[in-house]
């Protein structure tokens, strides 16, 4: 039992389980908006949405670590990750991956028919992303699309039908994730240039890639305003959007083409606050407006 607990802890460290906080609040925002006119969503649906989102993200990260094991071993920045460092074997990660996929399929089945039928499509995106850096510099956009499925799936879990609001939320997540993944990829610029891998920093240069990231984040904020208008949100929501815009601006100000010393602060700390902050203000808007 001790060995199982130890291995599980290593796997959770490997997939950076705590970073689930990035996209999960957007799924919950979608649940809140889809639950209207009810004040709060059904507890059972919310529970299975949480299971689906956490298991899908866990499966995606586990598969990424397996697929990129050799690349990680060759890259000085990632050579100490769990698989290339020999802290955990691929077989154990495959077992974890299978469990995560099974949980995702169970959650999809428990939600409704359309979620279950579309679950293989979601898996195709969240798992397939890991190979896109091998053939396209738009891999950052693909990652954004893969994670942007979360609010769309959450809406389907509640309503069972598509609508404009969740599609806009999906686009917001795509722009947000894709934009900061470009920032994160700046760290591997030198390695990517020497390897057969693709990225926007490699294709356009660091400075131009940062411009693309900033355009994407500006568009993200604009779409947040549009969602608020279309969903008839109140002033509390727009205060939240203003704070999020400030966090995004500060995140971008920390990173420069010739200074990547604050990438971790921009990527990990601030992005967690972006999603959590927006969720809190959406919840407050629903409760008190």
C-alpha atoms as a PDB file:
ATOM      1  CA  UNK A   1       0.000   0.000   0.000  1.00  0.00           C
ATOM      2  CA  UNK A   2       2.840   2.379   0.871  1.00  0.00           C
ATOM      3  CA  UNK A   3       4.444   1.729  -2.525  1.00  0.00           C
ATOM      4  CA  UNK A   4       1.168   2.458  -4.334  1.00  0.00           C
ATOM      5  CA  UNK A   5       0.709   5.719  -2.429  1.00  0.00           C
ATOM      6  CA  UNK A   6       4.302   6.713  -3.184  1.00  0.00           C
ATOM      7  CA  UNK A   7       3.923   5.970  -6.904  1.00  0.00           C
ATOM      8  CA  UNK A   8       0.621   7.826  -7.063  1.00  0.00           C
ATOM      9  CA  UNK A   9       2.226  10.845  -5.414  1.00  0.00           C
ATOM     10  CA  UNK A  10       5.042  10.785  -7.983  1.00  0.00           C
ATOM     11  CA  UNK A  11       2.566  10.588 -10.856  1.00  0.00           C
ATOM     12  CA  UNK A  12       0.529  13.496  -9.480  1.00  0.00           C
ATOM     13  CA  UNK A  13       3.756  15.493  -9.194  1.00  0.00           C
ATOM     14  CA  UNK A  14       4.668  14.518 -12.753  1.00  0.00           C
ATOM     15  CA  UNK A  15       1.382  15.719 -14.240  1.00  0.00           C
ATOM     16  CA  UNK A  16       1.394  18.829 -12.022  1.00  0.00           C
ATOM     17  CA  UNK A  17      -2.043  17.956 -10.676  1.00  0.00           C
ATOM     18  CA  UNK A  18      -2.367  21.296  -8.898  1.00  0.00           C
ATOM     19  CA  UNK A  19      -2.439  23.049 -12.289  1.00  0.00           C
ATOM     20  CA  UNK A  20      -5.877  21.581 -12.915  1.00  0.00           C
ATOM     21  CA  UNK A  21      -6.969  24.915 -11.443  1.00  0.00           C
ATOM     22  CA  UNK A  22      -6.218  26.602 -14.781  1.00  0.00           C
ATOM     23  CA  UNK A  23      -9.162  25.398 -16.869  1.00  0.00           C
ATOM     24  CA  UNK A  24     -11.489  23.921 -14.244  1.00  0.00           C
ATOM     25  CA  UNK A  25     -13.009  27.284 -13.164  1.00  0.00           C
ATOM     26  CA  UNK A  26     -14.035  27.963 -16.773  1.00  0.00           C
ATOM     27  CA  UNK A  27     -15.941  24.671 -16.817  1.00  0.00           C
ATOM     28  CA  UNK A  28     -17.681  25.707 -13.597  1.00  0.00           C
ATOM     29  CA  UNK A  29     -18.460  29.139 -15.063  1.00  0.00           C
ATOM     30  CA  UNK A  30     -20.146  27.386 -17.972  1.00  0.00           C
ATOM     31  CA  UNK A  31     -22.130  25.224 -15.552  1.00  0.00           C
ATOM     32  CA  UNK A  32     -23.309  28.321 -13.676  1.00  0.00           C
ATOM     33  CA  UNK A  33     -24.423  30.080 -16.851  1.00  0.00           C
ATOM     34  CA  UNK A  34     -26.089  26.961 -18.270  1.00  0.00           C
ATOM     35  CA  UNK A  35     -28.034  26.377 -15.038  1.00  0.00           C
ATOM     36  CA  UNK A  36     -30.142  29.514 -15.509  1.00  0.00           C
ATOM     37  CA  UNK A  37     -32.833  30.321 -14.489  1.00  0.00           C
ATOM     38  CA  UNK A  38     -31.863  28.254 -11.451  1.00  0.00           C
ATOM     39  CA  UNK A  39     -29.568  30.118  -9.068  1.00  0.00           C
ATOM     40  CA  UNK A  40     -27.165  27.184  -8.671  1.00  0.00           C
ATOM     41  CA  UNK A  41     -26.636  24.076 -10.819  1.00  0.00           C
ATOM     42  CA  UNK A  42     -27.638  20.540  -9.936  1.00  0.00           C
ATOM     43  CA  UNK A  43     -25.129  19.065  -7.470  1.00  0.00           C
ATOM     44  CA  UNK A  44     -24.988  15.667  -9.212  1.00  0.00           C
ATOM     45  CA  UNK A  45     -24.227  17.205 -12.591  1.00  0.00           C
ATOM     46  CA  UNK A  46     -21.600  19.502 -11.064  1.00  0.00           C
ATOM     47  CA  UNK A  47     -19.900  16.542  -9.386  1.00  0.00           C
ATOM     48  CA  UNK A  48     -19.642  14.537 -12.621  1.00  0.00           C
ATOM     49  CA  UNK A  49     -18.446  17.617 -14.520  1.00  0.00           C
ATOM     50  CA  UNK A  50     -15.648  17.930 -11.960  1.00  0.00           C
ATOM     51  CA  UNK A  51     -14.757  14.251 -12.365  1.00  0.00           C
ATOM     52  CA  UNK A  52     -14.769  14.578 -16.155  1.00  0.00           C
ATOM     53  CA  UNK A  53     -12.610  17.709 -16.199  1.00  0.00           C
ATOM     54  CA  UNK A  54     -10.040  16.445 -13.679  1.00  0.00           C
ATOM     55  CA  UNK A  55      -9.745  13.003 -15.280  1.00  0.00           C
ATOM     56  CA  UNK A  56      -9.460  14.418 -18.818  1.00  0.00           C
ATOM     57  CA  UNK A  57      -6.736  16.840 -17.791  1.00  0.00           C
ATOM     58  CA  UNK A  58      -4.903  14.084 -15.877  1.00  0.00           C
ATOM     59  CA  UNK A  59      -5.089  11.764 -18.897  1.00  0.00           C
ATOM     60  CA  UNK A  60      -3.785  14.526 -21.186  1.00  0.00           C
ATOM     61  CA  UNK A  61      -0.779  15.273 -18.973  1.00  0.00           C
ATOM     62  CA  UNK A  62       0.064  11.606 -18.420  1.00  0.00           C
ATOM     63  CA  UNK A  63      -0.066  10.923 -22.156  1.00  0.00           C
ATOM     64  CA  UNK A  64       2.038  14.014 -22.845  1.00  0.00           C
ATOM     65  CA  UNK A  65       4.755  12.808 -20.482  1.00  0.00           C
ATOM     66  CA  UNK A  66       4.797   9.410 -22.197  1.00  0.00           C
ATOM     67  CA  UNK A  67       4.792  10.832 -25.716  1.00  0.00           C
ATOM     68  CA  UNK A  68       7.478  13.411 -24.929  1.00  0.00           C
ATOM     69  CA  UNK A  69       9.734  11.217 -22.776  1.00  0.00           C
ATOM     70  CA  UNK A  70      12.560  11.110 -25.329  1.00  0.00           C
ATOM     71  CA  UNK A  71      12.246  14.811 -26.178  1.00  0.00           C
ATOM     72  CA  UNK A  72      12.231  15.677 -22.476  1.00  0.00           C
ATOM     73  CA  UNK A  73      15.393  13.621 -21.970  1.00  0.00           C
ATOM     74  CA  UNK A  74      17.208  15.595 -24.675  1.00  0.00           C
ATOM     75  CA  UNK A  75      16.056  19.028 -23.483  1.00  0.00           C
ATOM     76  CA  UNK A  76      18.168  20.361 -20.568  1.00  0.00           C
ATOM     77  CA  UNK A  77      15.125  22.172 -19.107  1.00  0.00           C
ATOM     78  CA  UNK A  78      13.008  19.006 -18.929  1.00  0.00           C
ATOM     79  CA  UNK A  79      15.631  16.273 -18.511  1.00  0.00           C
ATOM     80  CA  UNK A  80      14.821  15.945 -14.801  1.00  0.00           C
ATOM     81  CA  UNK A  81      11.137  15.195 -15.354  1.00  0.00           C
ATOM     82  CA  UNK A  82      10.002  11.967 -13.764  1.00  0.00           C
ATOM     83  CA  UNK A  83      10.188   9.561 -16.728  1.00  0.00           C
ATOM     84  CA  UNK A  84      13.524  10.663 -18.248  1.00  0.00           C
ATOM     85  CA  UNK A  85      15.006  10.931 -14.738  1.00  0.00           C
ATOM     86  CA  UNK A  86      13.948   7.350 -13.994  1.00  0.00           C
ATOM     87  CA  UNK A  87      11.765   8.273 -11.032  1.00  0.00           C
ATOM     88  CA  UNK A  88       8.820   6.425 -12.525  1.00  0.00           C
ATOM     89  CA  UNK A  89       8.377   3.915 -15.344  1.00  0.00           C
ATOM     90  CA  UNK A  90       6.235   4.278 -18.441  1.00  0.00           C
ATOM     91  CA  UNK A  91       4.201   1.177 -17.551  1.00  0.00           C
ATOM     92  CA  UNK A  92       2.997   2.797 -14.338  1.00  0.00           C
ATOM     93  CA  UNK A  93       2.072   5.956 -16.204  1.00  0.00           C
ATOM     94  CA  UNK A  94       0.171   3.895 -18.794  1.00  0.00           C
ATOM     95  CA  UNK A  95      -1.849   2.304 -15.968  1.00  0.00           C
ATOM     96  CA  UNK A  96      -2.627   5.737 -14.535  1.00  0.00           C
ATOM     97  CA  UNK A  97      -3.608   6.943 -18.019  1.00  0.00           C
ATOM     98  CA  UNK A  98      -6.001   4.021 -18.476  1.00  0.00           C
ATOM     99  CA  UNK A  99      -7.645   4.743 -15.116  1.00  0.00           C
ATOM    100  CA  UNK A 100      -8.010   8.444 -15.951  1.00  0.00           C
ATOM    101  CA  UNK A 101      -9.603   7.650 -19.332  1.00  0.00           C
ATOM    102  CA  UNK A 102     -11.970   5.156 -17.706  1.00  0.00           C
ATOM    103  CA  UNK A 103     -13.046   7.769 -15.147  1.00  0.00           C
ATOM    104  CA  UNK A 104     -13.587  10.316 -17.915  1.00  0.00           C
ATOM    105  CA  UNK A 105     -15.761   7.891 -19.874  1.00  0.00           C
ATOM    106  CA  UNK A 106     -17.721   6.987 -16.742  1.00  0.00           C
ATOM    107  CA  UNK A 107     -18.339  10.657 -15.968  1.00  0.00           C
ATOM    108  CA  UNK A 108     -19.418  11.315 -19.562  1.00  0.00           C
ATOM    109  CA  UNK A 109     -21.828   8.377 -19.406  1.00  0.00           C
ATOM    110  CA  UNK A 110     -23.272   9.591 -16.106  1.00  0.00           C
ATOM    111  CA  UNK A 111     -23.873  13.079 -17.485  1.00  0.00           C
ATOM    112  CA  UNK A 112     -25.932  12.473 -20.621  1.00  0.00           C
ATOM    113  CA  UNK A 113     -25.976  10.773 -24.010  1.00  0.00           C
ATOM    114  CA  UNK A 114     -24.442  13.600 -26.027  1.00  0.00           C
ATOM    115  CA  UNK A 115     -21.527  13.957 -23.594  1.00  0.00           C
ATOM    116  CA  UNK A 116     -20.842  10.230 -23.817  1.00  0.00           C
ATOM    117  CA  UNK A 117     -21.074  10.167 -27.629  1.00  0.00           C
ATOM    118  CA  UNK A 118     -18.718  13.132 -27.966  1.00  0.00           C
ATOM    119  CA  UNK A 119     -16.241  11.929 -25.333  1.00  0.00           C
ATOM    120  CA  UNK A 120     -13.960  10.190 -27.893  1.00  0.00           C
ATOM    121  CA  UNK A 121     -13.705  13.479 -29.813  1.00  0.00           C
ATOM    122  CA  UNK A 122     -12.642  15.276 -26.630  1.00  0.00           C
ATOM    123  CA  UNK A 123     -10.031  12.599 -25.941  1.00  0.00           C
ATOM    124  CA  UNK A 124      -8.737  12.859 -29.506  1.00  0.00           C
ATOM    125  CA  UNK A 125      -7.979  16.539 -28.945  1.00  0.00           C
ATOM    126  CA  UNK A 126      -6.595  16.370 -25.403  1.00  0.00           C
ATOM    127  CA  UNK A 127      -4.358  13.388 -26.158  1.00  0.00           C
ATOM    128  CA  UNK A 128      -3.524  14.217 -29.778  1.00  0.00           C
ATOM    129  CA  UNK A 129      -2.145  17.644 -28.864  1.00  0.00           C
ATOM    130  CA  UNK A 130       1.057  16.009 -27.633  1.00  0.00           C
ATOM    131  CA  UNK A 131       2.097  15.156 -31.203  1.00  0.00           C
ATOM    132  CA  UNK A 132       1.276  18.488 -32.858  1.00  0.00           C
ATOM    133  CA  UNK A 133       4.601  20.110 -31.974  1.00  0.00           C
ATOM    134  CA  UNK A 134       6.167  17.547 -34.300  1.00  0.00           C
ATOM    135  CA  UNK A 135       4.529  18.980 -37.414  1.00  0.00           C
ATOM    136  CA  UNK A 136       2.992  22.452 -36.820  1.00  0.00           C
ATOM    137  CA  UNK A 137       3.976  25.713 -35.167  1.00  0.00           C
ATOM    138  CA  UNK A 138       0.266  26.161 -34.357  1.00  0.00           C
ATOM    139  CA  UNK A 139       0.585  23.558 -31.599  1.00  0.00           C
ATOM    140  CA  UNK A 140      -0.168  26.296 -29.036  1.00  0.00           C
ATOM    141  CA  UNK A 141      -3.541  26.909 -30.676  1.00  0.00           C
ATOM    142  CA  UNK A 142      -4.304  23.187 -30.688  1.00  0.00           C
ATOM    143  CA  UNK A 143      -3.558  23.051 -26.962  1.00  0.00           C
ATOM    144  CA  UNK A 144      -5.937  25.970 -26.456  1.00  0.00           C
ATOM    145  CA  UNK A 145      -8.658  24.200 -28.444  1.00  0.00           C
ATOM    146  CA  UNK A 146      -8.143  20.986 -26.460  1.00  0.00           C
ATOM    147  CA  UNK A 147      -8.583  22.770 -23.132  1.00  0.00           C
ATOM    148  CA  UNK A 148     -11.279  25.038 -24.557  1.00  0.00           C
ATOM    149  CA  UNK A 149     -13.468  21.958 -24.898  1.00  0.00           C
ATOM    150  CA  UNK A 150     -13.966  22.085 -21.111  1.00  0.00           C
ATOM    151  CA  UNK A 151     -16.608  24.850 -20.916  1.00  0.00           C
ATOM    152  CA  UNK A 152     -18.377  23.497 -24.010  1.00  0.00           C
ATOM    153  CA  UNK A 153     -18.583  20.032 -22.474  1.00  0.00           C
ATOM    154  CA  UNK A 154     -19.743  21.490 -19.164  1.00  0.00           C
ATOM    155  CA  UNK A 155     -22.574  23.346 -20.907  1.00  0.00           C
ATOM    156  CA  UNK A 156     -23.613  20.167 -22.721  1.00  0.00           C
ATOM    157  CA  UNK A 157     -23.617  18.351 -19.391  1.00  0.00           C
ATOM    158  CA  UNK A 158     -26.236  20.781 -18.051  1.00  0.00           C
ATOM    159  CA  UNK A 159     -28.298  21.642 -21.140  1.00  0.00           C
ATOM    160  CA  UNK A 160     -27.630  18.770 -23.548  1.00  0.00           C
ATOM    161  CA  UNK A 161     -27.535  21.220 -26.493  1.00  0.00           C
ATOM    162  CA  UNK A 162     -25.047  23.644 -28.027  1.00  0.00           C
ATOM    163  CA  UNK A 163     -25.339  27.432 -27.679  1.00  0.00           C
ATOM    164  CA  UNK A 164     -23.346  30.566 -28.453  1.00  0.00           C
ATOM    165  CA  UNK A 165     -22.230  31.242 -24.858  1.00  0.00           C
ATOM    166  CA  UNK A 166     -20.213  28.024 -24.336  1.00  0.00           C
ATOM    167  CA  UNK A 167     -18.644  28.351 -27.790  1.00  0.00           C
ATOM    168  CA  UNK A 168     -17.469  31.840 -26.838  1.00  0.00           C
ATOM    169  CA  UNK A 169     -16.168  30.523 -23.512  1.00  0.00           C
ATOM    170  CA  UNK A 170     -14.310  27.827 -25.442  1.00  0.00           C
ATOM    171  CA  UNK A 171     -12.775  30.507 -27.674  1.00  0.00           C
ATOM    172  CA  UNK A 172     -11.798  32.520 -24.580  1.00  0.00           C
ATOM    173  CA  UNK A 173      -9.995  29.522 -23.094  1.00  0.00           C
ATOM    174  CA  UNK A 174      -8.333  28.780 -26.439  1.00  0.00           C
ATOM    175  CA  UNK A 175      -6.972  32.334 -26.680  1.00  0.00           C
ATOM    176  CA  UNK A 176      -5.922  32.392 -23.036  1.00  0.00           C
ATOM    177  CA  UNK A 177      -4.198  28.998 -22.976  1.00  0.00           C
ATOM    178  CA  UNK A 178      -2.675  29.399 -26.439  1.00  0.00           C
ATOM    179  CA  UNK A 179      -1.372  32.846 -25.530  1.00  0.00           C
ATOM    180  CA  UNK A 180       0.399  31.795 -22.380  1.00  0.00           C
ATOM    181  CA  UNK A 181       1.652  28.544 -23.948  1.00  0.00           C
ATOM    182  CA  UNK A 182       3.509  30.740 -26.444  1.00  0.00           C
ATOM    183  CA  UNK A 183       5.096  32.514 -23.467  1.00  0.00           C
ATOM    184  CA  UNK A 184       6.019  29.176 -21.912  1.00  0.00           C
ATOM    185  CA  UNK A 185       7.540  27.959 -25.189  1.00  0.00           C
ATOM    186  CA  UNK A 186       9.982  30.874 -25.178  1.00  0.00           C
ATOM    187  CA  UNK A 187      12.019  28.933 -22.624  1.00  0.00           C
ATOM    188  CA  UNK A 188      12.702  26.193 -25.164  1.00  0.00           C
ATOM    189  CA  UNK A 189      13.584  28.475 -28.071  1.00  0.00           C
ATOM    190  CA  UNK A 190      17.245  27.455 -28.287  1.00  0.00           C
ATOM    191  CA  UNK A 191      16.416  23.754 -28.008  1.00  0.00           C
ATOM    192  CA  UNK A 192      13.592  23.964 -30.567  1.00  0.00           C
ATOM    193  CA  UNK A 193      15.808  25.756 -33.095  1.00  0.00           C
ATOM    194  CA  UNK A 194      18.258  22.836 -33.001  1.00  0.00           C
ATOM    195  CA  UNK A 195      15.562  20.143 -33.081  1.00  0.00           C
ATOM    196  CA  UNK A 196      12.885  19.078 -35.604  1.00  0.00           C
ATOM    197  CA  UNK A 197      10.145  20.467 -33.340  1.00  0.00           C
ATOM    198  CA  UNK A 198       7.798  23.338 -34.193  1.00  0.00           C
ATOM    199  CA  UNK A 199       6.691  26.408 -32.223  1.00  0.00           C
ATOM    200  CA  UNK A 200       5.708  29.987 -32.931  1.00  0.00           C
ATOM    201  CA  UNK A 201       8.809  31.398 -31.190  1.00  0.00           C
ATOM    202  CA  UNK A 202      10.961  29.219 -33.452  1.00  0.00           C
ATOM    203  CA  UNK A 203       9.045  30.204 -36.585  1.00  0.00           C
ATOM    204  CA  UNK A 204       8.547  33.926 -35.921  1.00  0.00           C
ATOM    205  CA  UNK A 205      11.215  34.747 -33.366  1.00  0.00           C
ATOM    206  CA  UNK A 206      10.736  35.541 -29.684  1.00  0.00           C
ATOM    207  CA  UNK A 207       9.603  39.147 -30.085  1.00  0.00           C
ATOM    208  CA  UNK A 208       7.041  38.428 -32.802  1.00  0.00           C
ATOM    209  CA  UNK A 209       5.723  35.418 -30.903  1.00  0.00           C
ATOM    210  CA  UNK A 210       5.165  37.652 -27.882  1.00  0.00           C
ATOM    211  CA  UNK A 211       3.182  40.049 -30.062  1.00  0.00           C
ATOM    212  CA  UNK A 212       0.924  37.159 -31.129  1.00  0.00           C
ATOM    213  CA  UNK A 213       0.497  36.154 -27.486  1.00  0.00           C
ATOM    214  CA  UNK A 214      -0.523  39.695 -26.549  1.00  0.00           C
ATOM    215  CA  UNK A 215      -2.990  39.950 -29.416  1.00  0.00           C
ATOM    216  CA  UNK A 216      -4.560  36.658 -28.320  1.00  0.00           C
ATOM    217  CA  UNK A 217      -4.896  37.817 -24.723  1.00  0.00           C
ATOM    218  CA  UNK A 218      -6.405  41.126 -25.823  1.00  0.00           C
ATOM    219  CA  UNK A 219      -8.964  39.229 -27.898  1.00  0.00           C
ATOM    220  CA  UNK A 220      -9.670  37.029 -24.880  1.00  0.00           C
ATOM    221  CA  UNK A 221     -10.604  40.046 -22.756  1.00  0.00           C
ATOM    222  CA  UNK A 222     -12.803  41.418 -25.552  1.00  0.00           C
ATOM    223  CA  UNK A 223     -14.687  38.114 -25.743  1.00  0.00           C
ATOM    224  CA  UNK A 224     -15.152  38.115 -21.961  1.00  0.00           C
ATOM    225  CA  UNK A 225     -16.935  41.452 -22.329  1.00  0.00           C
ATOM    226  CA  UNK A 226     -19.040  40.044 -25.183  1.00  0.00           C
ATOM    227  CA  UNK A 227     -20.047  37.012 -23.104  1.00  0.00           C
ATOM    228  CA  UNK A 228     -21.115  39.342 -20.310  1.00  0.00           C
ATOM    229  CA  UNK A 229     -23.297  41.354 -22.670  1.00  0.00           C
ATOM    230  CA  UNK A 230     -24.884  38.320 -24.355  1.00  0.00           C
ATOM    231  CA  UNK A 231     -25.467  36.539 -21.051  1.00  0.00           C
ATOM    232  CA  UNK A 232     -26.924  39.712 -19.517  1.00  0.00           C
ATOM    233  CA  UNK A 233     -24.450  39.699 -16.655  1.00  0.00           C
ATOM    234  CA  UNK A 234     -24.388  42.500 -14.123  1.00  0.00           C
ATOM    235  CA  UNK A 235     -21.799  44.999 -12.924  1.00  0.00           C
ATOM    236  CA  UNK A 236     -20.160  42.458 -10.588  1.00  0.00           C
ATOM    237  CA  UNK A 237     -19.155  40.306 -13.560  1.00  0.00           C
ATOM    238  CA  UNK A 238     -17.626  43.243 -15.424  1.00  0.00           C
ATOM    239  CA  UNK A 239     -15.617  44.214 -12.347  1.00  0.00           C
ATOM    240  CA  UNK A 240     -14.231  40.682 -12.451  1.00  0.00           C
ATOM    241  CA  UNK A 241     -13.374  41.065 -16.144  1.00  0.00           C
ATOM    242  CA  UNK A 242     -11.556  44.312 -15.355  1.00  0.00           C
ATOM    243  CA  UNK A 243      -9.472  42.565 -12.685  1.00  0.00           C
ATOM    244  CA  UNK A 244      -8.727  39.681 -15.059  1.00  0.00           C
ATOM    245  CA  UNK A 245      -7.629  42.167 -17.718  1.00  0.00           C
ATOM    246  CA  UNK A 246      -5.266  43.721 -15.165  1.00  0.00           C
ATOM    247  CA  UNK A 247      -3.797  40.327 -14.300  1.00  0.00           C
ATOM    248  CA  UNK A 248      -3.320  39.502 -17.984  1.00  0.00           C
ATOM    249  CA  UNK A 249      -1.630  42.866 -18.609  1.00  0.00           C
ATOM    250  CA  UNK A 250       0.672  42.335 -15.626  1.00  0.00           C
ATOM    251  CA  UNK A 251       1.473  38.788 -16.792  1.00  0.00           C
ATOM    252  CA  UNK A 252       2.486  40.079 -20.204  1.00  0.00           C
ATOM    253  CA  UNK A 253       4.580  42.875 -18.685  1.00  0.00           C
ATOM    254  CA  UNK A 254       6.687  40.338 -16.783  1.00  0.00           C
ATOM    255  CA  UNK A 255       7.968  38.621 -19.911  1.00  0.00           C
ATOM    256  CA  UNK A 256      10.270  40.103 -22.528  1.00  0.00           C
ATOM    257  CA  UNK A 257      12.022  38.498 -25.454  1.00  0.00           C
ATOM    258  CA  UNK A 258      15.401  39.006 -23.760  1.00  0.00           C
ATOM    259  CA  UNK A 259      14.268  38.386 -20.172  1.00  0.00           C
ATOM    260  CA  UNK A 260      12.458  35.158 -19.285  1.00  0.00           C
ATOM    261  CA  UNK A 261      13.372  35.178 -15.598  1.00  0.00           C
ATOM    262  CA  UNK A 262       9.742  35.681 -14.519  1.00  0.00           C
ATOM    263  CA  UNK A 263       8.063  33.142 -16.809  1.00  0.00           C
ATOM    264  CA  UNK A 264       7.182  30.860 -13.903  1.00  0.00           C
ATOM    265  CA  UNK A 265       5.417  33.689 -12.061  1.00  0.00           C
ATOM    266  CA  UNK A 266       3.541  34.673 -15.226  1.00  0.00           C
ATOM    267  CA  UNK A 267       2.688  31.124 -16.277  1.00  0.00           C
ATOM    268  CA  UNK A 268       1.839  29.384 -13.028  1.00  0.00           C
ATOM    269  CA  UNK A 269       0.845  31.901 -10.344  1.00  0.00           C
ATOM    270  CA  UNK A 270      -0.946  34.591 -12.347  1.00  0.00           C
ATOM    271  CA  UNK A 271      -2.801  32.216 -14.665  1.00  0.00           C
ATOM    272  CA  UNK A 272      -4.215  30.370 -11.691  1.00  0.00           C
ATOM    273  CA  UNK A 273      -5.517  33.661 -10.347  1.00  0.00           C
ATOM    274  CA  UNK A 274      -7.051  34.607 -13.715  1.00  0.00           C
ATOM    275  CA  UNK A 275      -9.401  31.627 -13.838  1.00  0.00           C
ATOM    276  CA  UNK A 276     -10.206  31.541 -10.115  1.00  0.00           C
ATOM    277  CA  UNK A 277     -10.880  35.279 -10.012  1.00  0.00           C
ATOM    278  CA  UNK A 278     -13.257  35.147 -12.960  1.00  0.00           C
ATOM    279  CA  UNK A 279     -15.151  32.199 -11.461  1.00  0.00           C
ATOM    280  CA  UNK A 280     -15.556  34.004  -8.128  1.00  0.00           C
ATOM    281  CA  UNK A 281     -17.003  37.090  -9.801  1.00  0.00           C
ATOM    282  CA  UNK A 282     -19.359  35.031 -11.996  1.00  0.00           C
ATOM    283  CA  UNK A 283     -20.585  33.250  -8.855  1.00  0.00           C
ATOM    284  CA  UNK A 284     -21.008  36.534  -7.009  1.00  0.00           C
ATOM    285  CA  UNK A 285     -22.875  37.963  -9.980  1.00  0.00           C
ATOM    286  CA  UNK A 286     -25.268  35.010  -9.935  1.00  0.00           C
ATOM    287  CA  UNK A 287     -25.775  35.132  -6.171  1.00  0.00           C
ATOM    288  CA  UNK A 288     -26.177  38.846  -5.508  1.00  0.00           C
ATOM    289  CA  UNK A 289     -27.304  40.523  -8.717  1.00  0.00           C
END
